[in-house]
Protein backbone atom coordinates (compact mmCIF):
# COMPACT_ATOMS: atom_id res chain seq x y z
CA MET A 1 83.14 186.69 71.77
CA MET A 2 85.55 183.78 71.61
CA THR A 3 87.02 182.53 68.41
CA SER A 4 85.89 179.02 67.70
CA GLU A 5 87.61 176.18 65.75
CA LEU A 6 85.87 174.04 63.27
CA ILE A 7 87.25 170.52 63.09
CA THR A 8 86.04 167.99 60.59
CA PRO A 9 87.75 164.54 60.93
CA PRO A 10 86.59 161.59 58.92
CA VAL A 11 83.81 159.20 60.17
CA ALA A 12 85.20 156.25 61.96
CA ALA A 13 86.77 153.86 59.46
CA HIS A 14 86.18 150.68 61.55
CA GLN A 15 82.43 150.57 60.92
CA ALA A 16 80.76 147.78 59.09
CA PRO A 17 79.56 148.71 55.60
CA HIS A 18 75.83 148.78 56.59
CA GLU A 19 76.74 150.94 59.61
CA THR A 20 78.66 153.35 57.39
CA HIS A 21 75.78 153.69 55.04
CA PHE A 22 73.34 154.34 57.86
CA VAL A 23 75.58 156.92 59.54
CA LYS A 24 75.96 158.68 56.14
CA GLN A 25 72.19 158.56 55.68
CA VAL A 26 71.63 160.09 59.17
CA ALA A 27 74.12 162.88 58.52
CA ALA A 28 72.57 163.68 55.12
CA SER A 29 69.01 163.66 56.35
CA PHE A 30 69.59 165.96 59.37
CA GLY A 31 71.91 168.12 57.27
CA LYS A 32 69.14 168.83 54.89
CA ALA A 33 66.86 169.83 57.81
CA CYS A 34 69.29 172.25 59.27
CA ASP A 35 67.18 175.26 58.34
CA SER A 36 63.70 173.78 59.07
CA TYR A 37 64.68 171.89 62.23
CA LEU A 38 64.30 174.45 65.04
CA ALA A 39 60.73 175.55 64.05
CA ALA A 40 59.52 171.87 64.17
CA ALA A 41 61.56 170.91 67.27
CA ARG A 42 58.83 171.05 69.85
CA LEU A 43 59.76 167.73 71.45
CA GLN A 44 63.42 168.31 71.05
CA GLN A 45 63.39 171.62 72.83
CA GLN A 46 61.32 170.31 75.71
CA VAL A 47 63.33 167.22 76.29
CA ALA A 48 66.73 169.08 76.04
CA ARG A 49 65.65 171.60 78.64
CA ASP A 50 64.49 168.74 80.89
CA ALA A 51 67.84 166.97 80.36
CA LEU A 52 69.95 170.04 80.94
CA ALA A 53 68.16 170.59 84.21
CA LEU A 54 69.54 167.26 85.43
CA LEU A 55 73.17 168.65 85.33
CA PRO A 56 74.42 170.65 88.29
CA GLY A 57 73.64 174.26 87.71
CA VAL A 58 77.11 175.50 88.49
CA GLN A 59 79.11 177.79 86.08
CA GLN A 60 82.31 175.85 86.07
CA GLY A 61 84.25 173.25 84.15
CA GLN A 62 84.32 172.07 80.51
CA LEU A 63 81.16 170.69 78.87
CA LEU A 64 80.68 168.44 75.79
CA ASP A 65 77.56 168.79 73.77
CA LEU A 66 77.32 165.53 71.91
CA GLY A 67 74.97 165.75 68.90
CA CYS A 68 74.59 169.48 69.09
CA GLY A 69 72.26 169.93 66.09
CA PRO A 70 71.71 173.69 65.18
CA GLY A 71 72.98 174.68 68.69
CA TRP A 72 69.76 176.51 69.71
CA ILE A 73 70.38 175.54 73.37
CA HIS A 74 73.98 176.78 73.52
CA PRO A 75 73.14 180.23 75.05
CA GLU A 76 71.82 178.28 78.03
CA PHE A 77 75.24 176.46 78.65
CA SER A 78 76.70 179.57 80.30
CA LYS A 79 74.85 178.55 83.45
CA TYR A 80 76.51 175.09 83.50
CA CYS A 81 80.17 175.53 82.36
CA THR A 82 82.92 177.98 81.70
CA ALA A 83 83.40 176.69 78.10
CA PHE A 84 82.04 173.92 75.89
CA THR A 85 82.73 171.80 72.86
CA ALA A 86 80.10 170.96 70.30
CA VAL A 87 80.09 167.74 68.32
CA ASP A 88 77.78 166.60 65.55
CA LEU A 89 77.81 164.10 62.74
CA SER A 90 75.98 166.41 60.30
CA LYS A 91 78.10 169.07 58.51
CA GLY A 92 75.02 171.17 57.97
CA MET A 93 73.89 171.09 61.55
CA LEU A 94 77.39 171.92 62.72
CA ALA A 95 77.70 174.86 60.31
CA LYS A 96 74.33 176.17 61.77
CA ALA A 97 75.63 175.91 65.27
CA SER A 98 79.03 177.34 64.56
CA SER A 99 77.44 180.51 63.28
CA GLN A 100 76.93 181.49 66.87
CA GLN A 101 80.60 181.25 67.73
CA ARG A 102 79.76 180.20 71.30
CA ALA A 103 81.72 176.91 71.51
CA ARG A 104 85.44 176.56 72.03
CA ALA A 105 85.40 174.05 69.00
CA TYR A 106 82.95 172.61 66.73
CA ILE A 107 83.76 169.16 65.65
CA GLN A 108 82.17 166.88 63.00
CA ALA A 109 82.65 163.37 64.27
CA ASP A 110 81.02 160.07 64.88
CA ALA A 111 79.94 159.86 68.51
CA ALA A 112 81.04 156.31 68.68
CA ALA A 113 84.61 157.30 67.90
CA LEU A 114 85.33 160.73 69.32
CA PRO A 115 88.59 162.50 68.41
CA LEU A 116 88.84 163.87 71.90
CA ALA A 117 91.13 163.20 74.89
CA THR A 118 90.29 160.94 77.78
CA LYS A 119 88.97 162.52 80.99
CA GLN A 120 88.60 165.92 79.14
CA PHE A 121 85.21 167.13 80.22
CA ASP A 122 83.52 167.76 83.65
CA LYS A 123 80.05 167.42 82.01
CA VAL A 124 78.71 165.65 79.00
CA PHE A 125 75.31 166.50 77.64
CA SER A 126 73.53 164.71 74.75
CA SER A 127 69.84 165.02 73.95
CA LEU A 128 67.84 162.92 71.49
CA MET A 129 70.91 161.93 69.43
CA LEU A 130 71.64 158.30 70.69
CA GLN A 131 68.64 156.69 69.05
CA TRP A 132 70.23 157.51 65.57
CA CYS A 133 73.47 155.70 66.41
CA PRO A 134 73.86 152.16 65.14
CA ARG A 135 76.27 151.30 68.08
CA PRO A 136 74.73 153.09 71.08
CA ALA A 137 76.89 151.03 73.56
CA ALA A 138 80.03 152.40 71.83
CA VAL A 139 78.60 155.92 72.18
CA LEU A 140 77.96 155.46 75.85
CA ALA A 141 81.54 154.09 76.26
CA GLU A 142 83.01 157.10 74.47
CA ALA A 143 80.83 159.52 76.62
CA ALA A 144 82.20 157.74 79.76
CA ARG A 145 85.79 157.79 78.39
CA VAL A 146 85.94 161.55 77.94
CA LEU A 147 84.31 162.33 81.19
CA ALA A 148 86.63 163.44 83.98
CA PRO A 149 86.57 161.84 87.45
CA ASN A 150 83.70 163.26 89.51
CA GLY A 151 82.23 164.41 86.22
CA GLN A 152 78.57 164.06 85.29
CA LEU A 153 76.73 163.15 82.08
CA VAL A 154 73.15 163.31 81.04
CA ILE A 155 71.88 161.60 77.78
CA SER A 156 68.35 161.60 76.68
CA THR A 157 67.17 159.09 73.84
CA LEU A 158 64.08 157.80 72.37
CA VAL A 159 63.21 154.16 73.13
CA GLN A 160 60.86 151.50 72.03
CA GLY A 161 57.22 152.50 72.22
CA THR A 162 57.86 155.84 70.53
CA LEU A 163 55.30 156.72 67.90
CA TYR A 164 53.36 153.54 68.63
CA GLU A 165 50.13 155.16 67.33
CA LEU A 166 51.72 155.76 64.03
CA GLN A 167 53.41 152.42 63.80
CA GLY A 168 49.98 150.73 64.58
CA ALA A 169 48.24 152.74 61.85
CA PHE A 170 50.93 151.66 59.26
CA ALA A 171 50.61 148.05 60.34
CA THR A 172 47.07 147.97 59.21
CA LEU A 173 48.15 148.79 55.66
CA ASP A 174 51.34 146.72 54.97
CA GLN A 175 54.19 144.84 56.54
CA HIS A 176 56.93 147.48 55.91
CA SER A 177 58.96 148.95 58.65
CA HIS A 178 57.91 152.62 58.58
CA ILE A 179 59.18 153.50 62.11
CA HIS A 180 62.74 153.64 63.15
CA PRO A 181 63.45 150.52 65.36
CA PHE A 182 64.04 152.32 68.67
CA LEU A 183 65.84 150.09 71.22
CA PRO A 184 64.17 148.81 74.45
CA GLU A 185 65.15 150.86 77.44
CA ALA A 186 66.43 147.58 79.10
CA ALA A 187 69.07 147.11 76.32
CA LEU A 188 70.44 150.63 76.95
CA ILE A 189 70.34 150.29 80.67
CA ALA A 190 72.30 146.95 80.36
CA ALA A 191 74.88 148.57 78.04
CA ALA A 192 75.51 151.41 80.47
CA ASN A 193 75.78 149.08 83.35
CA GLN A 194 78.59 147.26 81.48
CA LEU A 195 80.75 150.38 81.87
CA PRO A 196 82.72 150.38 85.09
CA GLY A 197 83.45 153.36 87.30
CA ILE A 198 80.22 155.22 86.89
CA HIS A 199 77.08 155.42 89.04
CA TRP A 200 74.05 155.21 86.69
CA GLN A 201 70.49 156.38 87.15
CA PHE A 202 67.59 155.98 84.65
CA GLU A 203 64.18 157.42 84.23
CA ARG A 204 61.69 157.02 81.34
CA LEU A 205 59.10 159.67 80.66
CA SER A 206 56.38 159.90 78.05
CA TYR A 207 55.90 163.04 76.00
CA PRO A 208 52.64 163.16 74.01
CA LEU A 209 52.31 165.67 71.24
CA TYR A 210 49.00 166.42 69.35
CA TYR A 211 48.32 167.21 65.68
CA PRO A 212 45.20 168.06 63.77
CA ASP A 213 45.85 165.16 61.26
CA VAL A 214 48.41 162.65 60.31
CA GLN A 215 49.76 164.90 57.50
CA SER A 216 50.78 167.51 60.05
CA LEU A 217 52.77 164.85 62.06
CA ALA A 218 54.41 163.65 58.79
CA ARG A 219 55.38 167.30 57.87
CA GLU A 220 56.92 167.86 61.24
CA LEU A 221 58.97 164.69 60.98
CA LYS A 222 60.20 165.82 57.53
CA ALA A 223 61.13 169.23 58.84
CA LEU A 224 63.22 167.60 61.53
CA GLY A 225 64.99 165.26 59.18
CA ALA A 226 63.66 162.13 60.88
CA ASN A 227 61.48 161.01 58.08
CA GLN A 228 64.20 159.58 55.80
CA VAL A 229 66.03 157.75 58.53
CA ALA A 230 63.22 155.23 58.91
CA GLY A 231 63.48 154.38 55.19
CA ARG A 232 59.79 155.17 54.44
CA SER A 233 60.75 156.59 50.98
CA GLN A 234 61.61 152.92 49.86
CA THR A 235 58.13 151.56 50.70
CA GLY A 236 56.04 153.35 48.03
CA LEU A 237 54.37 155.76 50.52
CA THR A 238 53.42 158.22 47.88
CA GLY A 239 49.74 157.72 46.76
CA LYS A 240 46.85 159.81 47.93
CA GLY A 241 44.87 156.67 48.69
CA TYR A 242 47.53 155.33 50.93
CA TRP A 243 47.52 158.49 52.94
CA GLN A 244 43.72 158.36 53.24
CA LYS A 245 43.90 154.94 54.53
CA LEU A 246 46.52 155.77 56.94
CA ALA A 247 44.61 158.80 58.24
CA ALA A 248 41.54 156.57 58.76
CA ALA A 249 43.58 154.06 60.69
CA TYR A 250 44.98 156.73 62.89
CA GLU A 251 41.69 158.24 63.75
CA ARG A 252 40.98 155.68 66.40
CA HIS A 253 43.61 157.45 68.57
CA ARG A 254 41.97 160.87 68.35
CA THR A 255 41.35 162.75 71.57
CA ARG A 256 39.91 166.15 72.40
CA GLU A 257 43.39 167.54 72.00
CA GLY A 258 43.86 166.02 68.49
CA LEU A 259 45.84 163.03 67.18
CA PRO A 260 48.51 162.01 69.68
CA ALA A 261 51.98 161.04 68.87
CA THR A 262 53.71 159.69 71.94
CA TYR A 263 57.47 159.72 72.43
CA GLN A 264 59.17 157.53 75.07
CA VAL A 265 62.28 159.20 76.36
CA LEU A 266 64.90 157.57 78.55
CA PHE A 267 67.03 159.80 80.57
CA ILE A 268 70.42 158.34 81.41
CA ARG A 269 72.39 159.96 84.09
CA GLY A 270 76.00 159.00 85.20
CA GLU A 271 78.48 160.21 87.65
CA LYS A 272 82.08 159.09 87.34
CA TYR A 273 83.86 157.96 90.38
CA GLY A 274 86.84 160.06 91.50
CA GLY A 275 90.26 158.76 90.74
């Protein structure tokens, strides 16, 4: 087993104050969920495996896992590279991942300002991390920068339309923003296409999950650490009566499988031209 290095540089100092606050909020929220995350990560595991399958299944080269979380997928990387580096914003998630001692290095960093050399990796992998970044265009640029010529990257991210059932149910009760404002896929495609020297491909897929009731969905979001990021704790969502009204509004979506929660996932694939 290799000896791994844990590196914890500071978060990028050039962020605007509101971005710095949001980044810290994301890191804290997911850090608190580092122990409960994996058991609740049904969607995350399915999407990550689908994304990983888009990379060439050749055991060669260096791989970067951008937004590694607790590192549950790291044992599967041996089919895709000879060594990999793991990066995450959350100290708690990174500590969980580093307990496996599989990566060459574990680095706590902002994905929009990576402390990594240019053209360092043959493959870049990132699954369901980009939607939590206040500057997704900068993250895409950094992923492209660290990718070596002829290298390939795969990034999956949630886009607009995710959790539309829950958003609609909330909208019947108040005007607060209860759902994270996921970007339209067109905005992400445009941002990627601004980066030169890479051939891009895009595909959007829907992933419906089903729950017996809205409380089960809320518990899963909390276990994932995603509940605080949307700022719902600031809107007074605490009373039993509110939850009852929310559940009643959500019922119109019920199917034979249960209450659906639909996630819209954009898969971004890129291949860097040789040079």
